[in-house]
Amino acid sequence: MALAQKILRSEHVGVKQLKNNLSEYLREESTLVVTNRGKPTNVILSYDEAMDLIDLVEELSNPEIIEAIREGREAIKDGSEGISVDETFENYKSSR
């Protein structure tokens, strides 16, 4: 959940501040949390981060990936070391 952690640690910018400095913020290509009266309302991601998020959602909707994760969890419960979720995704990507 690196993206979630990054969002939580990202700069928070008020709507008015964002409006007044939009071009500067967009040039930075960093993740921003937009707030309205101090309450987070939106997140601005870089193009690459958005594509990574889309890839992750697509991978998690793949029944083969879900089955591999389920099998891995069962194996770990049974005492096996298993493989990490990241390794599962990498194995899936390399088999495409």
N, C-alpha and C. Protein backbone atom coordinates (compact mmCIF):
# COMPACT_ATOMS: atom_id res chain seq x y z
N MET A 1 0.80 -1.18 0.00
CA MET A 1 0.00 0.00 0.00
C MET A 1 0.86 1.27 0.00
N ALA A 2 1.89 1.23 -0.79
CA ALA A 2 2.80 2.37 -0.86
C ALA A 2 2.09 3.64 -1.32
N LEU A 3 1.15 3.51 -2.24
CA LEU A 3 0.44 4.68 -2.74
C LEU A 3 -0.40 5.30 -1.64
N ALA A 4 -1.07 4.49 -0.85
CA ALA A 4 -1.88 5.02 0.25
C ALA A 4 -1.01 5.77 1.24
N GLN A 5 0.15 5.21 1.56
CA GLN A 5 1.07 5.89 2.48
C GLN A 5 1.57 7.19 1.88
N LYS A 6 1.87 7.17 0.59
CA LYS A 6 2.34 8.39 -0.07
C LYS A 6 1.27 9.47 -0.02
N ILE A 7 0.02 9.08 -0.27
CA ILE A 7 -1.07 10.06 -0.23
C ILE A 7 -1.20 10.65 1.17
N LEU A 8 -1.13 9.79 2.19
CA LEU A 8 -1.25 10.27 3.56
C LEU A 8 -0.13 11.24 3.94
N ARG A 9 1.04 11.05 3.36
CA ARG A 9 2.20 11.91 3.66
C ARG A 9 2.31 13.11 2.73
N SER A 10 1.46 13.18 1.73
CA SER A 10 1.56 14.23 0.72
C SER A 10 1.18 15.59 1.27
N GLU A 11 1.63 16.58 0.53
CA GLU A 11 1.30 17.95 0.87
C GLU A 11 -0.21 18.15 0.75
N HIS A 12 -0.78 18.83 1.73
CA HIS A 12 -2.20 19.18 1.71
C HIS A 12 -2.30 20.64 1.27
N VAL A 13 -3.15 20.89 0.30
CA VAL A 13 -3.27 22.22 -0.28
C VAL A 13 -4.74 22.62 -0.29
N GLY A 14 -5.01 23.81 0.20
CA GLY A 14 -6.37 24.32 0.17
C GLY A 14 -6.79 24.64 -1.26
N VAL A 15 -8.10 24.63 -1.49
CA VAL A 15 -8.63 24.89 -2.83
C VAL A 15 -8.16 26.25 -3.34
N LYS A 16 -8.23 27.27 -2.52
CA LYS A 16 -7.84 28.62 -2.94
C LYS A 16 -6.34 28.67 -3.27
N GLN A 17 -5.54 28.06 -2.45
CA GLN A 17 -4.09 28.03 -2.69
C GLN A 17 -3.79 27.28 -3.99
N LEU A 18 -4.49 26.17 -4.21
CA LEU A 18 -4.30 25.41 -5.45
C LEU A 18 -4.69 26.25 -6.66
N LYS A 19 -5.82 26.93 -6.57
CA LYS A 19 -6.29 27.76 -7.68
C LYS A 19 -5.27 28.85 -8.01
N ASN A 20 -4.71 29.47 -7.00
CA ASN A 20 -3.76 30.56 -7.21
C ASN A 20 -2.40 30.09 -7.70
N ASN A 21 -2.06 28.83 -7.47
CA ASN A 21 -0.72 28.33 -7.82
C ASN A 21 -0.77 27.04 -8.62
N LEU A 22 -1.84 26.82 -9.37
CA LEU A 22 -2.05 25.55 -10.05
C LEU A 22 -0.88 25.15 -10.95
N SER A 23 -0.40 26.07 -11.78
CA SER A 23 0.67 25.70 -12.72
C SER A 23 1.93 25.27 -11.98
N GLU A 24 2.24 25.91 -10.86
CA GLU A 24 3.42 25.51 -10.07
C GLU A 24 3.26 24.09 -9.53
N TYR A 25 2.09 23.79 -8.98
CA TYR A 25 1.85 22.46 -8.42
C TYR A 25 1.89 21.38 -9.51
N LEU A 26 1.33 21.68 -10.66
CA LEU A 26 1.31 20.69 -11.73
C LEU A 26 2.71 20.44 -12.29
N ARG A 27 3.55 21.46 -12.33
CA ARG A 27 4.92 21.27 -12.81
C ARG A 27 5.72 20.36 -11.88
N GLU A 28 5.39 20.35 -10.61
CA GLU A 28 6.11 19.52 -9.63
C GLU A 28 5.85 18.03 -9.83
N GLU A 29 4.74 17.68 -10.46
CA GLU A 29 4.37 16.28 -10.69
C GLU A 29 4.40 15.47 -9.40
N SER A 30 3.90 16.07 -8.34
CA SER A 30 3.86 15.35 -7.07
C SER A 30 2.41 15.10 -6.66
N THR A 31 2.23 14.21 -5.74
CA THR A 31 0.91 13.90 -5.23
C THR A 31 0.46 15.02 -4.30
N LEU A 32 -0.77 15.46 -4.49
CA LEU A 32 -1.33 16.51 -3.64
C LEU A 32 -2.67 16.06 -3.09
N VAL A 33 -2.93 16.42 -1.86
CA VAL A 33 -4.25 16.23 -1.28
C VAL A 33 -4.89 17.61 -1.24
N VAL A 34 -6.01 17.75 -1.92
CA VAL A 34 -6.71 19.03 -1.97
C VAL A 34 -7.73 19.06 -0.83
N THR A 35 -7.72 20.16 -0.09
CA THR A 35 -8.65 20.28 1.03
C THR A 35 -9.62 21.44 0.81
N ASN A 36 -10.78 21.29 1.40
CA ASN A 36 -11.77 22.36 1.41
C ASN A 36 -12.13 22.61 2.87
N ARG A 37 -11.70 23.77 3.36
CA ARG A 37 -11.89 24.11 4.77
C ARG A 37 -11.24 23.08 5.69
N GLY A 38 -10.06 22.63 5.27
CA GLY A 38 -9.27 21.70 6.08
C GLY A 38 -9.64 20.23 5.92
N LYS A 39 -10.70 19.94 5.18
CA LYS A 39 -11.13 18.55 5.00
C LYS A 39 -10.66 18.05 3.64
N PRO A 40 -9.93 16.91 3.60
CA PRO A 40 -9.48 16.37 2.31
C PRO A 40 -10.68 16.05 1.41
N THR A 41 -10.61 16.53 0.17
CA THR A 41 -11.71 16.30 -0.76
C THR A 41 -11.27 15.63 -2.06
N ASN A 42 -10.03 15.83 -2.46
CA ASN A 42 -9.54 15.28 -3.72
C ASN A 42 -8.06 14.96 -3.61
N VAL A 43 -7.61 14.12 -4.53
CA VAL A 43 -6.19 13.79 -4.62
C VAL A 43 -5.76 14.01 -6.06
N ILE A 44 -4.63 14.66 -6.23
CA ILE A 44 -4.04 14.84 -7.56
C ILE A 44 -2.81 13.96 -7.62
N LEU A 45 -2.81 13.04 -8.60
CA LEU A 45 -1.68 12.12 -8.79
C LEU A 45 -0.96 12.47 -10.08
N SER A 46 0.32 12.11 -10.14
CA SER A 46 1.04 12.24 -11.40
C SER A 46 0.49 11.21 -12.38
N TYR A 47 0.77 11.41 -13.63
CA TYR A 47 0.31 10.47 -14.66
C TYR A 47 0.82 9.06 -14.37
N ASP A 48 2.11 8.94 -14.04
CA ASP A 48 2.70 7.62 -13.76
C ASP A 48 2.02 6.94 -12.58
N GLU A 49 1.73 7.70 -11.53
CA GLU A 49 1.06 7.12 -10.37
C GLU A 49 -0.36 6.67 -10.73
N ALA A 50 -1.04 7.45 -11.53
CA ALA A 50 -2.39 7.07 -11.96
C ALA A 50 -2.35 5.79 -12.79
N MET A 51 -1.37 5.66 -13.68
CA MET A 51 -1.24 4.45 -14.49
C MET A 51 -0.92 3.24 -13.62
N ASP A 52 -0.05 3.43 -12.62
CA ASP A 52 0.27 2.34 -11.69
C ASP A 52 -0.98 1.89 -10.93
N LEU A 53 -1.79 2.85 -10.53
CA LEU A 53 -3.02 2.53 -9.81
C LEU A 53 -3.99 1.76 -10.71
N ILE A 54 -4.12 2.19 -11.95
CA ILE A 54 -4.99 1.49 -12.90
C ILE A 54 -4.49 0.07 -13.12
N ASP A 55 -3.18 -0.10 -13.28
CA ASP A 55 -2.61 -1.45 -13.45
C ASP A 55 -2.93 -2.32 -12.24
N LEU A 56 -2.78 -1.77 -11.05
CA LEU A 56 -3.05 -2.53 -9.84
C LEU A 56 -4.50 -2.97 -9.77
N VAL A 57 -5.41 -2.06 -10.08
CA VAL A 57 -6.84 -2.41 -10.06
C VAL A 57 -7.14 -3.50 -11.08
N GLU A 58 -6.55 -3.38 -12.27
CA GLU A 58 -6.76 -4.41 -13.29
C GLU A 58 -6.20 -5.76 -12.85
N GLU A 59 -5.03 -5.74 -12.23
CA GLU A 59 -4.43 -6.98 -11.76
C GLU A 59 -5.27 -7.62 -10.67
N LEU A 60 -5.79 -6.80 -9.78
CA LEU A 60 -6.59 -7.33 -8.67
C LEU A 60 -7.96 -7.81 -9.12
N SER A 61 -8.37 -7.43 -10.32
CA SER A 61 -9.65 -7.93 -10.83
C SER A 61 -9.46 -9.21 -11.64
N ASN A 62 -8.21 -9.64 -11.79
CA ASN A 62 -7.91 -10.85 -12.54
C ASN A 62 -8.10 -12.07 -11.64
N PRO A 63 -8.99 -12.98 -12.02
CA PRO A 63 -9.26 -14.16 -11.17
C PRO A 63 -8.01 -15.01 -10.91
N GLU A 64 -7.09 -15.06 -11.86
CA GLU A 64 -5.87 -15.85 -11.65
C GLU A 64 -5.02 -15.26 -10.52
N ILE A 65 -4.92 -13.95 -10.49
CA ILE A 65 -4.15 -13.29 -9.42
C ILE A 65 -4.83 -13.52 -8.07
N ILE A 66 -6.13 -13.35 -8.03
CA ILE A 66 -6.87 -13.54 -6.78
C ILE A 66 -6.69 -14.96 -6.28
N GLU A 67 -6.76 -15.94 -7.19
CA GLU A 67 -6.58 -17.34 -6.80
C GLU A 67 -5.16 -17.59 -6.29
N ALA A 68 -4.17 -16.99 -6.95
CA ALA A 68 -2.78 -17.16 -6.50
C ALA A 68 -2.58 -16.57 -5.11
N ILE A 69 -3.19 -15.44 -4.85
CA ILE A 69 -3.08 -14.83 -3.52
C ILE A 69 -3.78 -15.71 -2.48
N ARG A 70 -4.96 -16.23 -2.82
CA ARG A 70 -5.69 -17.11 -1.90
C ARG A 70 -4.88 -18.35 -1.59
N GLU A 71 -4.29 -18.96 -2.63
CA GLU A 71 -3.47 -20.15 -2.44
C GLU A 71 -2.26 -19.84 -1.57
N GLY A 72 -1.67 -18.69 -1.80
CA GLY A 72 -0.51 -18.29 -0.99
C GLY A 72 -0.85 -18.11 0.47
N ARG A 73 -1.98 -17.49 0.73
CA ARG A 73 -2.43 -17.31 2.12
C ARG A 73 -2.67 -18.66 2.78
N GLU A 74 -3.30 -19.59 2.06
CA GLU A 74 -3.54 -20.92 2.61
C GLU A 74 -2.22 -21.64 2.88
N ALA A 75 -1.27 -21.51 1.98
CA ALA A 75 0.03 -22.16 2.17
C ALA A 75 0.75 -21.60 3.39
N ILE A 76 0.64 -20.30 3.58
CA ILE A 76 1.28 -19.68 4.75
C ILE A 76 0.62 -20.18 6.03
N LYS A 77 -0.71 -20.29 6.02
CA LYS A 77 -1.41 -20.83 7.19
C LYS A 77 -0.97 -22.25 7.50
N ASP A 78 -0.63 -23.00 6.45
CA ASP A 78 -0.20 -24.39 6.60
C ASP A 78 1.29 -24.50 6.92
N GLY A 79 1.99 -23.37 7.08
CA GLY A 79 3.38 -23.39 7.48
C GLY A 79 4.39 -23.09 6.39
N SER A 80 3.95 -22.93 5.18
CA SER A 80 4.86 -22.62 4.08
C SER A 80 5.29 -21.16 4.17
N GLU A 81 6.46 -20.87 3.62
CA GLU A 81 6.93 -19.49 3.60
C GLU A 81 6.11 -18.65 2.64
N GLY A 82 5.70 -19.22 1.53
CA GLY A 82 4.92 -18.49 0.53
C GLY A 82 5.77 -17.47 -0.22
N ILE A 83 5.10 -16.68 -1.05
CA ILE A 83 5.79 -15.60 -1.76
C ILE A 83 5.00 -14.32 -1.51
N SER A 84 5.69 -13.21 -1.65
CA SER A 84 5.03 -11.93 -1.39
C SER A 84 4.03 -11.59 -2.49
N VAL A 85 3.12 -10.70 -2.18
CA VAL A 85 2.15 -10.23 -3.17
C VAL A 85 2.88 -9.56 -4.32
N ASP A 86 3.93 -8.78 -4.01
CA ASP A 86 4.71 -8.13 -5.07
C ASP A 86 5.29 -9.16 -6.02
N GLU A 87 5.82 -10.26 -5.45
CA GLU A 87 6.39 -11.31 -6.29
C GLU A 87 5.31 -11.99 -7.14
N THR A 88 4.12 -12.13 -6.56
CA THR A 88 2.99 -12.70 -7.31
C THR A 88 2.67 -11.83 -8.51
N PHE A 89 2.60 -10.51 -8.30
CA PHE A 89 2.31 -9.59 -9.41
C PHE A 89 3.42 -9.64 -10.46
N GLU A 90 4.66 -9.70 -10.01
CA GLU A 90 5.78 -9.76 -10.95
C GLU A 90 5.73 -11.05 -11.78
N ASN A 91 5.42 -12.16 -11.12
CA ASN A 91 5.28 -13.43 -11.85
C ASN A 91 4.17 -13.33 -12.89
N TYR A 92 3.06 -12.70 -12.51
CA TYR A 92 1.94 -12.54 -13.43
C TYR A 92 2.35 -11.65 -14.60
N LYS A 93 3.00 -10.54 -14.32
CA LYS A 93 3.41 -9.62 -15.38
C LYS A 93 4.38 -10.29 -16.37
N SER A 94 5.31 -11.08 -15.83
CA SER A 94 6.30 -11.71 -16.70
C SER A 94 5.68 -12.83 -17.53
N SER A 95 4.52 -13.35 -17.09
CA SER A 95 3.88 -14.42 -17.87
C SER A 95 2.95 -13.89 -18.96
N ARG A 96 2.75 -12.58 -19.00
CA ARG A 96 1.86 -11.97 -19.99
C ARG A 96 2.47 -11.96 -21.36
